[in-house]
N, C-alpha and C. Protein backbone atom coordinates (compact mmCIF):
# COMPACT_ATOMS: atom_id res chain seq x y z
N MET A 1 -8.53 17.53 -8.50
CA MET A 1 -9.78 16.83 -8.23
C MET A 1 -9.61 15.88 -7.05
N LYS A 2 -10.57 15.89 -6.13
CA LYS A 2 -10.48 15.03 -4.95
C LYS A 2 -10.61 13.55 -5.32
N THR A 3 -9.93 12.72 -4.54
CA THR A 3 -10.07 11.28 -4.69
C THR A 3 -11.34 10.84 -3.96
N ARG A 4 -12.26 10.24 -4.70
CA ARG A 4 -13.50 9.76 -4.09
C ARG A 4 -13.24 8.38 -3.50
N LEU A 5 -13.40 8.28 -2.19
CA LEU A 5 -13.03 7.06 -1.48
C LEU A 5 -14.22 6.45 -0.75
N VAL A 6 -14.29 5.12 -0.78
CA VAL A 6 -15.29 4.39 -0.01
C VAL A 6 -14.56 3.64 1.10
N LEU A 7 -15.10 3.73 2.31
CA LEU A 7 -14.48 3.11 3.48
C LEU A 7 -15.31 1.92 3.94
N VAL A 8 -14.67 0.75 4.03
CA VAL A 8 -15.36 -0.47 4.47
C VAL A 8 -14.64 -0.99 5.70
N GLU A 9 -15.25 -0.85 6.86
CA GLU A 9 -14.63 -1.19 8.15
C GLU A 9 -15.73 -1.54 9.15
N ASP A 10 -15.61 -2.70 9.81
CA ASP A 10 -16.70 -3.15 10.67
C ASP A 10 -16.74 -2.46 12.04
N GLN A 11 -15.61 -1.96 12.52
CA GLN A 11 -15.59 -1.31 13.83
C GLN A 11 -15.93 0.18 13.69
N MET A 12 -17.04 0.58 14.29
CA MET A 12 -17.55 1.94 14.10
C MET A 12 -16.55 3.00 14.56
N LEU A 13 -15.92 2.81 15.71
CA LEU A 13 -14.98 3.81 16.21
C LEU A 13 -13.78 3.96 15.28
N VAL A 14 -13.28 2.83 14.79
CA VAL A 14 -12.16 2.87 13.85
C VAL A 14 -12.59 3.55 12.55
N ARG A 15 -13.77 3.18 12.09
CA ARG A 15 -14.28 3.76 10.85
C ARG A 15 -14.43 5.28 10.97
N GLU A 16 -15.02 5.72 12.07
CA GLU A 16 -15.21 7.16 12.29
C GLU A 16 -13.86 7.87 12.46
N GLY A 17 -12.92 7.18 13.11
CA GLY A 17 -11.60 7.77 13.30
C GLY A 17 -10.87 7.98 11.99
N ILE A 18 -10.91 6.96 11.14
CA ILE A 18 -10.26 7.06 9.82
C ILE A 18 -10.93 8.15 8.99
N LYS A 19 -12.26 8.18 9.04
CA LYS A 19 -13.00 9.19 8.27
C LYS A 19 -12.64 10.60 8.74
N SER A 20 -12.54 10.78 10.05
CA SER A 20 -12.18 12.09 10.59
C SER A 20 -10.78 12.50 10.17
N LEU A 21 -9.84 11.54 10.21
CA LEU A 21 -8.47 11.84 9.80
C LEU A 21 -8.41 12.23 8.33
N LEU A 22 -9.08 11.46 7.50
CA LEU A 22 -9.08 11.75 6.07
C LEU A 22 -9.72 13.11 5.78
N GLY A 23 -10.64 13.50 6.67
CA GLY A 23 -11.30 14.79 6.51
C GLY A 23 -10.37 15.97 6.72
N LEU A 24 -9.19 15.70 7.31
CA LEU A 24 -8.21 16.75 7.54
C LEU A 24 -7.43 17.10 6.27
N ASP A 25 -7.57 16.25 5.25
CA ASP A 25 -6.84 16.46 4.00
C ASP A 25 -7.81 16.81 2.88
N ASP A 26 -7.47 17.82 2.12
CA ASP A 26 -8.35 18.31 1.06
C ASP A 26 -8.36 17.43 -0.19
N SER A 27 -7.44 16.47 -0.27
CA SER A 27 -7.32 15.69 -1.50
C SER A 27 -8.23 14.46 -1.54
N VAL A 28 -8.84 14.12 -0.39
CA VAL A 28 -9.66 12.91 -0.31
C VAL A 28 -11.06 13.24 0.20
N GLU A 29 -12.06 12.63 -0.42
CA GLU A 29 -13.44 12.78 0.04
C GLU A 29 -14.05 11.40 0.25
N VAL A 30 -14.49 11.11 1.47
CA VAL A 30 -15.15 9.84 1.77
C VAL A 30 -16.60 9.95 1.32
N ILE A 31 -16.95 9.21 0.27
CA ILE A 31 -18.30 9.32 -0.29
C ILE A 31 -19.22 8.20 0.16
N GLY A 32 -18.68 7.24 0.92
CA GLY A 32 -19.51 6.15 1.42
C GLY A 32 -18.78 5.35 2.47
N GLU A 33 -19.51 4.80 3.42
CA GLU A 33 -18.90 3.96 4.45
C GLU A 33 -19.82 2.78 4.77
N TYR A 34 -19.21 1.61 4.95
CA TYR A 34 -19.97 0.39 5.14
C TYR A 34 -19.34 -0.47 6.23
N GLU A 35 -20.20 -1.28 6.89
CA GLU A 35 -19.76 -2.08 8.04
C GLU A 35 -19.09 -3.38 7.63
N ASN A 36 -19.40 -3.88 6.45
CA ASN A 36 -18.81 -5.14 6.01
C ASN A 36 -18.86 -5.25 4.49
N GLY A 37 -18.20 -6.24 3.97
CA GLY A 37 -18.12 -6.41 2.53
C GLY A 37 -19.46 -6.69 1.88
N GLU A 38 -20.32 -7.44 2.56
CA GLU A 38 -21.62 -7.77 2.01
C GLU A 38 -22.46 -6.51 1.79
N GLN A 39 -22.47 -5.65 2.81
CA GLN A 39 -23.21 -4.39 2.72
C GLN A 39 -22.65 -3.51 1.60
N PHE A 40 -21.34 -3.51 1.49
CA PHE A 40 -20.66 -2.72 0.46
C PHE A 40 -21.00 -3.21 -0.94
N ILE A 41 -20.90 -4.51 -1.17
CA ILE A 41 -21.18 -5.09 -2.49
C ILE A 41 -22.63 -4.82 -2.88
N GLU A 42 -23.56 -5.00 -1.93
CA GLU A 42 -24.98 -4.79 -2.22
C GLU A 42 -25.29 -3.33 -2.54
N SER A 43 -24.46 -2.42 -2.04
CA SER A 43 -24.72 -0.99 -2.25
C SER A 43 -24.50 -0.56 -3.69
N GLY A 44 -23.64 -1.31 -4.40
CA GLY A 44 -23.35 -0.97 -5.78
C GLY A 44 -22.46 0.25 -5.95
N SER A 45 -21.85 0.70 -4.86
CA SER A 45 -21.04 1.93 -4.92
C SER A 45 -19.60 1.71 -5.37
N ALA A 46 -19.23 0.46 -5.62
CA ALA A 46 -17.84 0.14 -5.97
C ALA A 46 -17.42 0.78 -7.28
N THR A 47 -18.38 1.05 -8.14
CA THR A 47 -18.04 1.64 -9.44
C THR A 47 -18.13 3.16 -9.44
N ASN A 48 -18.52 3.74 -8.31
CA ASN A 48 -18.70 5.19 -8.23
C ASN A 48 -17.56 5.90 -7.51
N CYS A 49 -16.51 5.16 -7.15
CA CYS A 49 -15.42 5.75 -6.39
C CYS A 49 -14.09 5.52 -7.10
N ASP A 50 -13.05 6.20 -6.62
CA ASP A 50 -11.71 6.07 -7.20
C ASP A 50 -10.88 5.03 -6.48
N VAL A 51 -11.08 4.92 -5.16
CA VAL A 51 -10.31 3.98 -4.32
C VAL A 51 -11.22 3.40 -3.25
N ILE A 52 -11.03 2.13 -2.94
CA ILE A 52 -11.75 1.47 -1.85
C ILE A 52 -10.76 1.19 -0.73
N LEU A 53 -11.04 1.71 0.46
CA LEU A 53 -10.20 1.49 1.64
C LEU A 53 -10.93 0.49 2.52
N MET A 54 -10.35 -0.70 2.69
CA MET A 54 -11.11 -1.80 3.30
C MET A 54 -10.30 -2.61 4.30
N ASP A 55 -10.97 -2.99 5.38
CA ASP A 55 -10.35 -3.86 6.38
C ASP A 55 -10.29 -5.29 5.84
N ILE A 56 -9.29 -6.03 6.27
CA ILE A 56 -9.18 -7.43 5.82
C ILE A 56 -10.14 -8.33 6.59
N ARG A 57 -10.19 -8.14 7.92
CA ARG A 57 -11.00 -9.02 8.77
C ARG A 57 -12.34 -8.34 9.08
N MET A 58 -13.41 -8.88 8.49
CA MET A 58 -14.76 -8.35 8.74
C MET A 58 -15.76 -9.49 8.78
N PRO A 59 -16.88 -9.32 9.50
CA PRO A 59 -17.92 -10.35 9.53
C PRO A 59 -18.70 -10.37 8.22
N LYS A 60 -19.45 -11.46 8.00
CA LYS A 60 -20.33 -11.66 6.85
C LYS A 60 -19.56 -11.84 5.55
N LEU A 61 -18.75 -10.86 5.19
CA LEU A 61 -17.92 -10.97 3.99
C LEU A 61 -16.60 -10.27 4.29
N SER A 62 -15.52 -11.06 4.41
CA SER A 62 -14.23 -10.49 4.76
C SER A 62 -13.68 -9.65 3.62
N GLY A 63 -12.58 -8.95 3.89
CA GLY A 63 -11.96 -8.14 2.86
C GLY A 63 -11.53 -8.97 1.66
N ILE A 64 -10.95 -10.13 1.92
CA ILE A 64 -10.49 -10.99 0.83
C ILE A 64 -11.67 -11.56 0.05
N GLU A 65 -12.73 -11.95 0.75
CA GLU A 65 -13.94 -12.45 0.07
C GLU A 65 -14.58 -11.34 -0.76
N THR A 66 -14.51 -10.11 -0.26
CA THR A 66 -15.05 -8.97 -1.00
C THR A 66 -14.24 -8.72 -2.27
N LEU A 67 -12.93 -8.89 -2.18
CA LEU A 67 -12.08 -8.75 -3.37
C LEU A 67 -12.49 -9.76 -4.44
N HIS A 68 -12.77 -10.99 -4.02
CA HIS A 68 -13.21 -12.02 -4.97
C HIS A 68 -14.56 -11.63 -5.59
N ALA A 69 -15.44 -11.07 -4.77
CA ALA A 69 -16.76 -10.66 -5.25
C ALA A 69 -16.63 -9.54 -6.28
N LEU A 70 -15.70 -8.61 -6.03
CA LEU A 70 -15.47 -7.52 -6.98
C LEU A 70 -14.93 -8.06 -8.30
N ALA A 71 -14.01 -9.03 -8.20
CA ALA A 71 -13.42 -9.63 -9.41
C ALA A 71 -14.48 -10.35 -10.24
N GLN A 72 -15.40 -11.05 -9.56
CA GLN A 72 -16.47 -11.77 -10.25
C GLN A 72 -17.38 -10.81 -11.01
N ARG A 73 -17.47 -9.58 -10.51
CA ARG A 73 -18.31 -8.57 -11.15
C ARG A 73 -17.51 -7.69 -12.12
N ASN A 74 -16.24 -8.07 -12.34
CA ASN A 74 -15.35 -7.32 -13.24
C ASN A 74 -15.21 -5.86 -12.84
N ILE A 75 -15.18 -5.62 -11.52
CA ILE A 75 -15.00 -4.26 -11.00
C ILE A 75 -13.52 -4.07 -10.68
N ALA A 76 -12.90 -3.12 -11.36
CA ALA A 76 -11.45 -2.95 -11.24
C ALA A 76 -11.05 -1.76 -10.37
N THR A 77 -11.98 -1.21 -9.59
CA THR A 77 -11.64 -0.10 -8.70
C THR A 77 -10.55 -0.55 -7.74
N PRO A 78 -9.42 0.18 -7.64
CA PRO A 78 -8.31 -0.26 -6.79
C PRO A 78 -8.68 -0.32 -5.31
N VAL A 79 -8.20 -1.36 -4.65
CA VAL A 79 -8.51 -1.59 -3.23
C VAL A 79 -7.24 -1.50 -2.39
N LEU A 80 -7.30 -0.69 -1.34
CA LEU A 80 -6.22 -0.58 -0.37
C LEU A 80 -6.68 -1.24 0.92
N MET A 81 -5.95 -2.26 1.35
CA MET A 81 -6.34 -3.01 2.55
C MET A 81 -5.72 -2.39 3.80
N LEU A 82 -6.52 -2.30 4.85
CA LEU A 82 -6.05 -1.80 6.15
C LEU A 82 -6.30 -2.87 7.21
N THR A 83 -5.36 -3.05 8.12
CA THR A 83 -5.54 -4.02 9.18
C THR A 83 -4.61 -3.74 10.34
N THR A 84 -4.95 -4.29 11.49
CA THR A 84 -4.06 -4.18 12.66
C THR A 84 -3.09 -5.35 12.69
N PHE A 85 -3.27 -6.30 11.79
CA PHE A 85 -2.46 -7.50 11.78
C PHE A 85 -1.36 -7.42 10.73
N ASP A 86 -0.20 -8.00 11.02
CA ASP A 86 0.89 -8.05 10.04
C ASP A 86 1.14 -9.50 9.63
N ASP A 87 0.04 -10.24 9.43
CA ASP A 87 0.09 -11.65 9.05
C ASP A 87 0.44 -11.76 7.57
N HIS A 88 1.62 -12.36 7.27
CA HIS A 88 2.06 -12.42 5.88
C HIS A 88 1.14 -13.26 5.01
N GLU A 89 0.44 -14.23 5.63
CA GLU A 89 -0.48 -15.05 4.87
C GLU A 89 -1.67 -14.21 4.37
N LEU A 90 -2.14 -13.32 5.25
CA LEU A 90 -3.23 -12.43 4.87
C LEU A 90 -2.80 -11.52 3.73
N VAL A 91 -1.57 -11.00 3.83
CA VAL A 91 -1.05 -10.13 2.78
C VAL A 91 -1.00 -10.89 1.46
N ASN A 92 -0.45 -12.10 1.50
CA ASN A 92 -0.37 -12.93 0.29
C ASN A 92 -1.74 -13.13 -0.33
N ASN A 93 -2.71 -13.53 0.51
CA ASN A 93 -4.06 -13.81 0.01
C ASN A 93 -4.73 -12.56 -0.54
N ALA A 94 -4.53 -11.44 0.16
CA ALA A 94 -5.15 -10.18 -0.28
C ALA A 94 -4.58 -9.74 -1.62
N MET A 95 -3.26 -9.82 -1.79
CA MET A 95 -2.64 -9.39 -3.03
C MET A 95 -3.00 -10.33 -4.18
N LYS A 96 -3.06 -11.61 -3.89
CA LYS A 96 -3.45 -12.57 -4.92
C LYS A 96 -4.90 -12.36 -5.34
N ALA A 97 -5.72 -11.88 -4.40
CA ALA A 97 -7.14 -11.64 -4.70
C ALA A 97 -7.35 -10.32 -5.43
N GLY A 98 -6.29 -9.54 -5.58
CA GLY A 98 -6.40 -8.32 -6.38
C GLY A 98 -6.21 -7.00 -5.65
N ALA A 99 -5.88 -7.04 -4.35
CA ALA A 99 -5.64 -5.79 -3.63
C ALA A 99 -4.43 -5.08 -4.23
N LYS A 100 -4.48 -3.76 -4.27
CA LYS A 100 -3.39 -2.97 -4.83
C LYS A 100 -2.47 -2.39 -3.76
N GLY A 101 -2.83 -2.55 -2.51
CA GLY A 101 -1.99 -2.04 -1.44
C GLY A 101 -2.38 -2.60 -0.10
N TYR A 102 -1.47 -2.47 0.87
CA TYR A 102 -1.68 -3.04 2.21
C TYR A 102 -0.97 -2.15 3.22
N LEU A 103 -1.72 -1.66 4.21
CA LEU A 103 -1.15 -0.82 5.25
C LEU A 103 -1.66 -1.25 6.62
N LEU A 104 -0.83 -1.08 7.63
CA LEU A 104 -1.28 -1.29 9.00
C LEU A 104 -2.05 -0.05 9.46
N LYS A 105 -2.98 -0.24 10.39
CA LYS A 105 -3.85 0.87 10.81
C LYS A 105 -3.13 1.94 11.61
N ASP A 106 -1.92 1.65 12.07
CA ASP A 106 -1.19 2.67 12.84
C ASP A 106 -0.33 3.55 11.93
N VAL A 107 -0.56 3.47 10.62
CA VAL A 107 0.19 4.26 9.65
C VAL A 107 -0.14 5.75 9.85
N SER A 108 0.81 6.61 9.51
CA SER A 108 0.58 8.05 9.65
C SER A 108 -0.39 8.54 8.59
N LEU A 109 -1.05 9.65 8.86
CA LEU A 109 -1.99 10.23 7.90
C LEU A 109 -1.29 10.56 6.59
N ASP A 110 -0.09 11.13 6.67
CA ASP A 110 0.65 11.50 5.47
C ASP A 110 0.90 10.28 4.58
N THR A 111 1.31 9.16 5.21
CA THR A 111 1.57 7.94 4.44
C THR A 111 0.29 7.39 3.84
N LEU A 112 -0.80 7.44 4.60
CA LEU A 112 -2.09 6.95 4.11
C LEU A 112 -2.54 7.77 2.90
N ILE A 113 -2.47 9.09 3.01
CA ILE A 113 -2.88 9.97 1.92
C ILE A 113 -2.02 9.73 0.68
N ASP A 114 -0.71 9.62 0.90
CA ASP A 114 0.23 9.40 -0.21
C ASP A 114 -0.05 8.06 -0.89
N THR A 115 -0.32 7.02 -0.08
CA THR A 115 -0.58 5.70 -0.64
C THR A 115 -1.89 5.69 -1.43
N ILE A 116 -2.92 6.35 -0.90
CA ILE A 116 -4.20 6.44 -1.60
C ILE A 116 -3.99 7.08 -2.98
N ALA A 117 -3.19 8.15 -3.01
CA ALA A 117 -2.92 8.85 -4.28
C ALA A 117 -2.22 7.94 -5.28
N GLN A 118 -1.25 7.16 -4.79
CA GLN A 118 -0.49 6.29 -5.68
C GLN A 118 -1.32 5.10 -6.15
N ILE A 119 -2.16 4.58 -5.24
CA ILE A 119 -3.06 3.48 -5.63
C ILE A 119 -4.01 3.95 -6.72
N LYS A 120 -4.50 5.18 -6.58
CA LYS A 120 -5.40 5.77 -7.58
C LYS A 120 -4.71 5.84 -8.95
N GLU A 121 -3.40 6.10 -8.94
CA GLU A 121 -2.64 6.22 -10.19
C GLU A 121 -2.30 4.86 -10.80
N GLY A 122 -2.66 3.78 -10.12
CA GLY A 122 -2.44 2.46 -10.68
C GLY A 122 -1.24 1.70 -10.14
N LYS A 123 -0.59 2.26 -9.12
CA LYS A 123 0.57 1.58 -8.54
C LYS A 123 0.14 0.52 -7.53
N THR A 124 1.02 -0.43 -7.29
CA THR A 124 0.80 -1.45 -6.27
C THR A 124 1.77 -1.19 -5.14
N LEU A 125 1.24 -0.97 -3.94
CA LEU A 125 2.10 -0.59 -2.82
C LEU A 125 1.78 -1.40 -1.56
N ILE A 126 2.84 -1.83 -0.92
CA ILE A 126 2.72 -2.53 0.35
C ILE A 126 3.63 -1.84 1.34
N GLN A 127 3.12 -1.43 2.47
CA GLN A 127 3.92 -0.70 3.44
C GLN A 127 5.14 -1.54 3.83
N PRO A 128 6.36 -1.10 3.48
CA PRO A 128 7.55 -1.92 3.75
C PRO A 128 7.73 -2.24 5.22
N ALA A 129 7.24 -1.37 6.10
CA ALA A 129 7.48 -1.56 7.53
C ALA A 129 6.53 -2.55 8.18
N VAL A 130 5.79 -3.32 7.39
CA VAL A 130 4.85 -4.26 8.00
C VAL A 130 5.55 -5.43 8.69
N THR A 131 6.83 -5.41 8.76
CA THR A 131 7.73 -6.36 9.43
C THR A 131 8.48 -7.21 8.42
N GLU A 132 9.65 -7.63 8.84
CA GLU A 132 10.52 -8.45 8.00
C GLU A 132 9.83 -9.75 7.60
N LYS A 133 9.06 -10.32 8.53
CA LYS A 133 8.37 -11.59 8.25
C LYS A 133 7.43 -11.44 7.06
N VAL A 134 6.68 -10.34 7.04
CA VAL A 134 5.74 -10.11 5.95
C VAL A 134 6.49 -9.94 4.64
N LEU A 135 7.55 -9.15 4.66
CA LEU A 135 8.32 -8.91 3.45
C LEU A 135 8.93 -10.21 2.92
N GLN A 136 9.44 -11.02 3.84
CA GLN A 136 10.01 -12.30 3.41
C GLN A 136 8.93 -13.19 2.81
N GLY A 137 7.73 -13.12 3.40
CA GLY A 137 6.62 -13.90 2.86
C GLY A 137 6.22 -13.43 1.48
N LEU A 138 6.40 -12.15 1.20
CA LEU A 138 6.03 -11.59 -0.09
C LEU A 138 7.00 -11.98 -1.19
N LYS A 139 8.18 -12.48 -0.83
CA LYS A 139 9.16 -12.82 -1.85
C LYS A 139 8.63 -13.87 -2.82
N GLY A 140 7.79 -14.76 -2.30
CA GLY A 140 7.24 -15.80 -3.17
C GLY A 140 5.89 -15.45 -3.74
N LEU A 141 5.45 -14.23 -3.51
CA LEU A 141 4.13 -13.80 -3.98
C LEU A 141 4.12 -13.62 -5.50
N SER A 142 3.07 -14.12 -6.12
CA SER A 142 2.99 -14.02 -7.58
C SER A 142 2.38 -12.70 -8.02
N VAL A 143 2.96 -11.61 -7.58
CA VAL A 143 2.57 -10.29 -8.07
C VAL A 143 3.64 -9.87 -9.08
N GLU A 144 3.27 -9.87 -10.34
CA GLU A 144 4.26 -9.61 -11.38
C GLU A 144 4.55 -8.13 -11.51
N PHE A 145 5.81 -7.79 -11.64
CA PHE A 145 6.18 -6.41 -11.94
C PHE A 145 7.52 -6.43 -12.67
N GLU A 146 7.71 -5.41 -13.47
CA GLU A 146 8.93 -5.32 -14.27
C GLU A 146 10.13 -5.00 -13.38
N SER A 147 11.24 -5.66 -13.65
CA SER A 147 12.48 -5.38 -12.94
C SER A 147 13.62 -5.99 -13.75
N PHE A 148 14.84 -5.57 -13.44
CA PHE A 148 15.99 -6.14 -14.12
C PHE A 148 16.34 -7.49 -13.51
N GLU A 149 16.60 -8.47 -14.37
CA GLU A 149 16.97 -9.79 -13.86
C GLU A 149 18.29 -9.72 -13.10
N SER A 150 19.21 -8.95 -13.62
CA SER A 150 20.50 -8.75 -12.96
C SER A 150 20.71 -7.24 -12.76
N PRO A 151 20.19 -6.71 -11.65
CA PRO A 151 20.27 -5.26 -11.43
C PRO A 151 21.71 -4.76 -11.30
N GLU A 152 21.89 -3.49 -11.63
CA GLU A 152 23.18 -2.85 -11.44
C GLU A 152 23.46 -2.76 -9.95
N PRO A 153 24.68 -3.06 -9.49
CA PRO A 153 25.00 -3.03 -8.06
C PRO A 153 24.73 -1.65 -7.45
N LEU A 154 24.21 -1.66 -6.21
CA LEU A 154 23.97 -0.42 -5.48
C LEU A 154 25.22 -0.02 -4.72
N THR A 155 25.41 1.26 -4.54
CA THR A 155 26.52 1.72 -3.71
C THR A 155 26.18 1.49 -2.25
N GLU A 156 27.15 1.63 -1.38
CA GLU A 156 26.92 1.45 0.05
C GLU A 156 25.88 2.46 0.56
N LYS A 157 25.98 3.70 0.06
CA LYS A 157 25.02 4.74 0.47
C LYS A 157 23.62 4.41 0.00
N GLU A 158 23.51 3.90 -1.22
CA GLU A 158 22.20 3.56 -1.76
C GLU A 158 21.58 2.39 -0.99
N THR A 159 22.40 1.42 -0.63
CA THR A 159 21.90 0.29 0.15
C THR A 159 21.42 0.76 1.52
N ASP A 160 22.13 1.69 2.10
CA ASP A 160 21.75 2.26 3.40
C ASP A 160 20.39 2.95 3.30
N ILE A 161 20.21 3.72 2.22
CA ILE A 161 18.94 4.41 2.01
C ILE A 161 17.81 3.40 1.78
N LEU A 162 18.11 2.33 1.05
CA LEU A 162 17.11 1.30 0.79
C LEU A 162 16.67 0.63 2.08
N ARG A 163 17.60 0.46 3.02
CA ARG A 163 17.23 -0.11 4.32
C ARG A 163 16.25 0.80 5.05
N LEU A 164 16.47 2.10 4.95
CA LEU A 164 15.56 3.06 5.59
C LEU A 164 14.20 3.05 4.90
N ILE A 165 14.19 2.88 3.59
CA ILE A 165 12.93 2.76 2.86
C ILE A 165 12.18 1.53 3.36
N ALA A 166 12.91 0.42 3.51
CA ALA A 166 12.30 -0.83 3.99
C ALA A 166 11.76 -0.70 5.41
N ALA A 167 12.34 0.22 6.17
CA ALA A 167 11.88 0.45 7.54
C ALA A 167 10.67 1.38 7.58
N GLY A 168 10.26 1.87 6.41
CA GLY A 168 9.06 2.67 6.33
C GLY A 168 9.26 4.17 6.37
N TYR A 169 10.53 4.63 6.27
CA TYR A 169 10.80 6.06 6.34
C TYR A 169 10.48 6.76 5.02
N SER A 170 9.94 7.98 5.11
CA SER A 170 9.66 8.78 3.93
C SER A 170 10.94 9.45 3.46
N ASN A 171 10.91 10.05 2.27
CA ASN A 171 12.08 10.77 1.76
C ASN A 171 12.50 11.88 2.72
N LYS A 172 11.53 12.59 3.27
CA LYS A 172 11.83 13.68 4.18
C LYS A 172 12.50 13.17 5.46
N GLU A 173 11.98 12.06 5.99
CA GLU A 173 12.56 11.48 7.21
C GLU A 173 13.98 10.98 6.95
N ILE A 174 14.20 10.39 5.78
CA ILE A 174 15.55 9.93 5.43
C ILE A 174 16.48 11.13 5.27
N ALA A 175 15.97 12.20 4.65
CA ALA A 175 16.77 13.42 4.48
C ALA A 175 17.17 14.00 5.82
N ASP A 176 16.24 14.03 6.76
CA ASP A 176 16.54 14.54 8.10
C ASP A 176 17.59 13.68 8.80
N ALA A 177 17.45 12.36 8.64
CA ALA A 177 18.39 11.43 9.30
C ALA A 177 19.78 11.52 8.69
N LYS A 178 19.85 11.81 7.40
CA LYS A 178 21.13 11.86 6.69
C LYS A 178 21.69 13.27 6.54
N PHE A 179 20.93 14.24 7.08
CA PHE A 179 21.35 15.66 6.97
C PHE A 179 21.53 16.07 5.51
N LYS A 180 20.60 15.60 4.68
CA LYS A 180 20.60 15.94 3.25
C LYS A 180 19.29 16.64 2.91
N SER A 181 19.23 17.25 1.74
CA SER A 181 17.98 17.86 1.30
C SER A 181 17.04 16.76 0.80
N THR A 182 15.75 17.04 0.87
CA THR A 182 14.77 16.07 0.39
C THR A 182 14.98 15.80 -1.09
N GLY A 183 15.36 16.84 -1.83
CA GLY A 183 15.62 16.68 -3.26
C GLY A 183 16.76 15.71 -3.54
N THR A 184 17.82 15.80 -2.73
CA THR A 184 18.97 14.90 -2.88
C THR A 184 18.55 13.45 -2.65
N ILE A 185 17.78 13.23 -1.59
CA ILE A 185 17.31 11.88 -1.27
C ILE A 185 16.37 11.37 -2.36
N LYS A 186 15.51 12.24 -2.85
CA LYS A 186 14.59 11.86 -3.93
C LYS A 186 15.37 11.39 -5.16
N ASN A 187 16.44 12.10 -5.47
CA ASN A 187 17.28 11.72 -6.62
C ASN A 187 17.95 10.37 -6.39
N GLN A 188 18.41 10.14 -5.13
CA GLN A 188 19.06 8.87 -4.82
C GLN A 188 18.07 7.72 -4.87
N VAL A 189 16.85 7.96 -4.40
CA VAL A 189 15.81 6.93 -4.46
C VAL A 189 15.50 6.61 -5.92
N SER A 190 15.43 7.64 -6.76
CA SER A 190 15.19 7.43 -8.19
C SER A 190 16.32 6.62 -8.82
N SER A 191 17.55 6.88 -8.39
CA SER A 191 18.70 6.14 -8.89
C SER A 191 18.62 4.67 -8.48
N ILE A 192 18.21 4.42 -7.24
CA ILE A 192 18.06 3.05 -6.74
C ILE A 192 17.03 2.30 -7.59
N MET A 193 15.88 2.94 -7.82
CA MET A 193 14.83 2.29 -8.60
C MET A 193 15.27 2.06 -10.04
N ALA A 194 16.03 3.00 -10.59
CA ALA A 194 16.54 2.85 -11.96
C ALA A 194 17.50 1.67 -12.05
N LYS A 195 18.38 1.53 -11.06
CA LYS A 195 19.35 0.42 -11.06
C LYS A 195 18.66 -0.94 -10.93
N LEU A 196 17.58 -0.97 -10.15
CA LEU A 196 16.86 -2.23 -9.93
C LEU A 196 15.84 -2.49 -11.04
N GLY A 197 15.54 -1.44 -11.81
CA GLY A 197 14.58 -1.58 -12.90
C GLY A 197 13.15 -1.66 -12.44
N VAL A 198 12.83 -0.96 -11.32
CA VAL A 198 11.47 -1.00 -10.77
C VAL A 198 10.86 0.40 -10.80
N ARG A 199 9.53 0.44 -10.55
CA ARG A 199 8.82 1.70 -10.69
C ARG A 199 8.48 2.39 -9.37
N ASP A 200 8.56 1.68 -8.25
CA ASP A 200 8.21 2.33 -6.99
C ASP A 200 9.02 1.74 -5.84
N ARG A 201 8.86 2.34 -4.67
CA ARG A 201 9.66 2.00 -3.49
C ARG A 201 9.41 0.57 -3.01
N THR A 202 8.14 0.15 -3.04
CA THR A 202 7.81 -1.21 -2.57
C THR A 202 8.48 -2.26 -3.43
N ARG A 203 8.40 -2.06 -4.75
CA ARG A 203 9.06 -3.01 -5.65
C ARG A 203 10.57 -3.00 -5.45
N ALA A 204 11.12 -1.85 -5.11
CA ALA A 204 12.56 -1.76 -4.86
C ALA A 204 12.94 -2.64 -3.67
N VAL A 205 12.13 -2.57 -2.61
CA VAL A 205 12.39 -3.38 -1.42
C VAL A 205 12.24 -4.87 -1.73
N LEU A 206 11.18 -5.23 -2.45
CA LEU A 206 10.95 -6.63 -2.78
C LEU A 206 12.07 -7.18 -3.68
N LYS A 207 12.50 -6.36 -4.65
CA LYS A 207 13.58 -6.78 -5.54
C LYS A 207 14.89 -6.93 -4.76
N ALA A 208 15.12 -6.04 -3.82
CA ALA A 208 16.32 -6.12 -2.99
C ALA A 208 16.32 -7.38 -2.14
N LEU A 209 15.16 -7.74 -1.61
CA LEU A 209 15.03 -8.98 -0.84
C LEU A 209 15.29 -10.20 -1.73
N GLU A 210 14.71 -10.15 -2.91
CA GLU A 210 14.88 -11.25 -3.87
C GLU A 210 16.35 -11.44 -4.23
N GLN A 211 17.08 -10.32 -4.37
CA GLN A 211 18.49 -10.37 -4.75
C GLN A 211 19.43 -10.58 -3.56
N GLY A 212 18.86 -10.59 -2.35
CA GLY A 212 19.70 -10.76 -1.17
C GLY A 212 20.45 -9.50 -0.77
N ILE A 213 20.01 -8.34 -1.29
CA ILE A 213 20.66 -7.07 -0.95
C ILE A 213 20.31 -6.66 0.46
N LEU A 214 19.07 -6.96 0.87
CA LEU A 214 18.62 -6.65 2.23
C LEU A 214 18.49 -7.93 3.04
């Protein structure tokens, strides 16, 4: 079943570009598009979609203000924030306001599609490659997730792979760089997450930063 997505972006060219890109993938259907948060909230379409893809900086009602408006209406549709900025303060505010993910607009289509799918499943994801400054800023973010207080030590190879994950590389890209099969890398990533006691790649990076591994 296709993911029903609503796109909220004030720049028409960017909005049309994202819509055209998403149209290249059969797993996502854009069922609505809006110029700003105010227009989106008034439309009442927030409860008719699976994922909301929204810019952080918009006129009339910003992405973060829109998140607050959704919360006030008890609307729990997951929101993925998109922006050209890698401002850690914006990331902090967006996640505290209830956003489930954060990506820069120059992200690849494959990563965008994959993130949309994971957000739909209830995961919280932040693109690790949004810069070291953003990741460091996220260390103090009050986004609760399960992890081991004292994780099992990672091997040198696992730490190396975790650095590549933090740089934004996919399993396939890491496999190509390491001359390994994608399956082998997938197993190693699963081992890393198991040792850290986390459920996804973003939490693995954040936990590694918290522990001083990265």
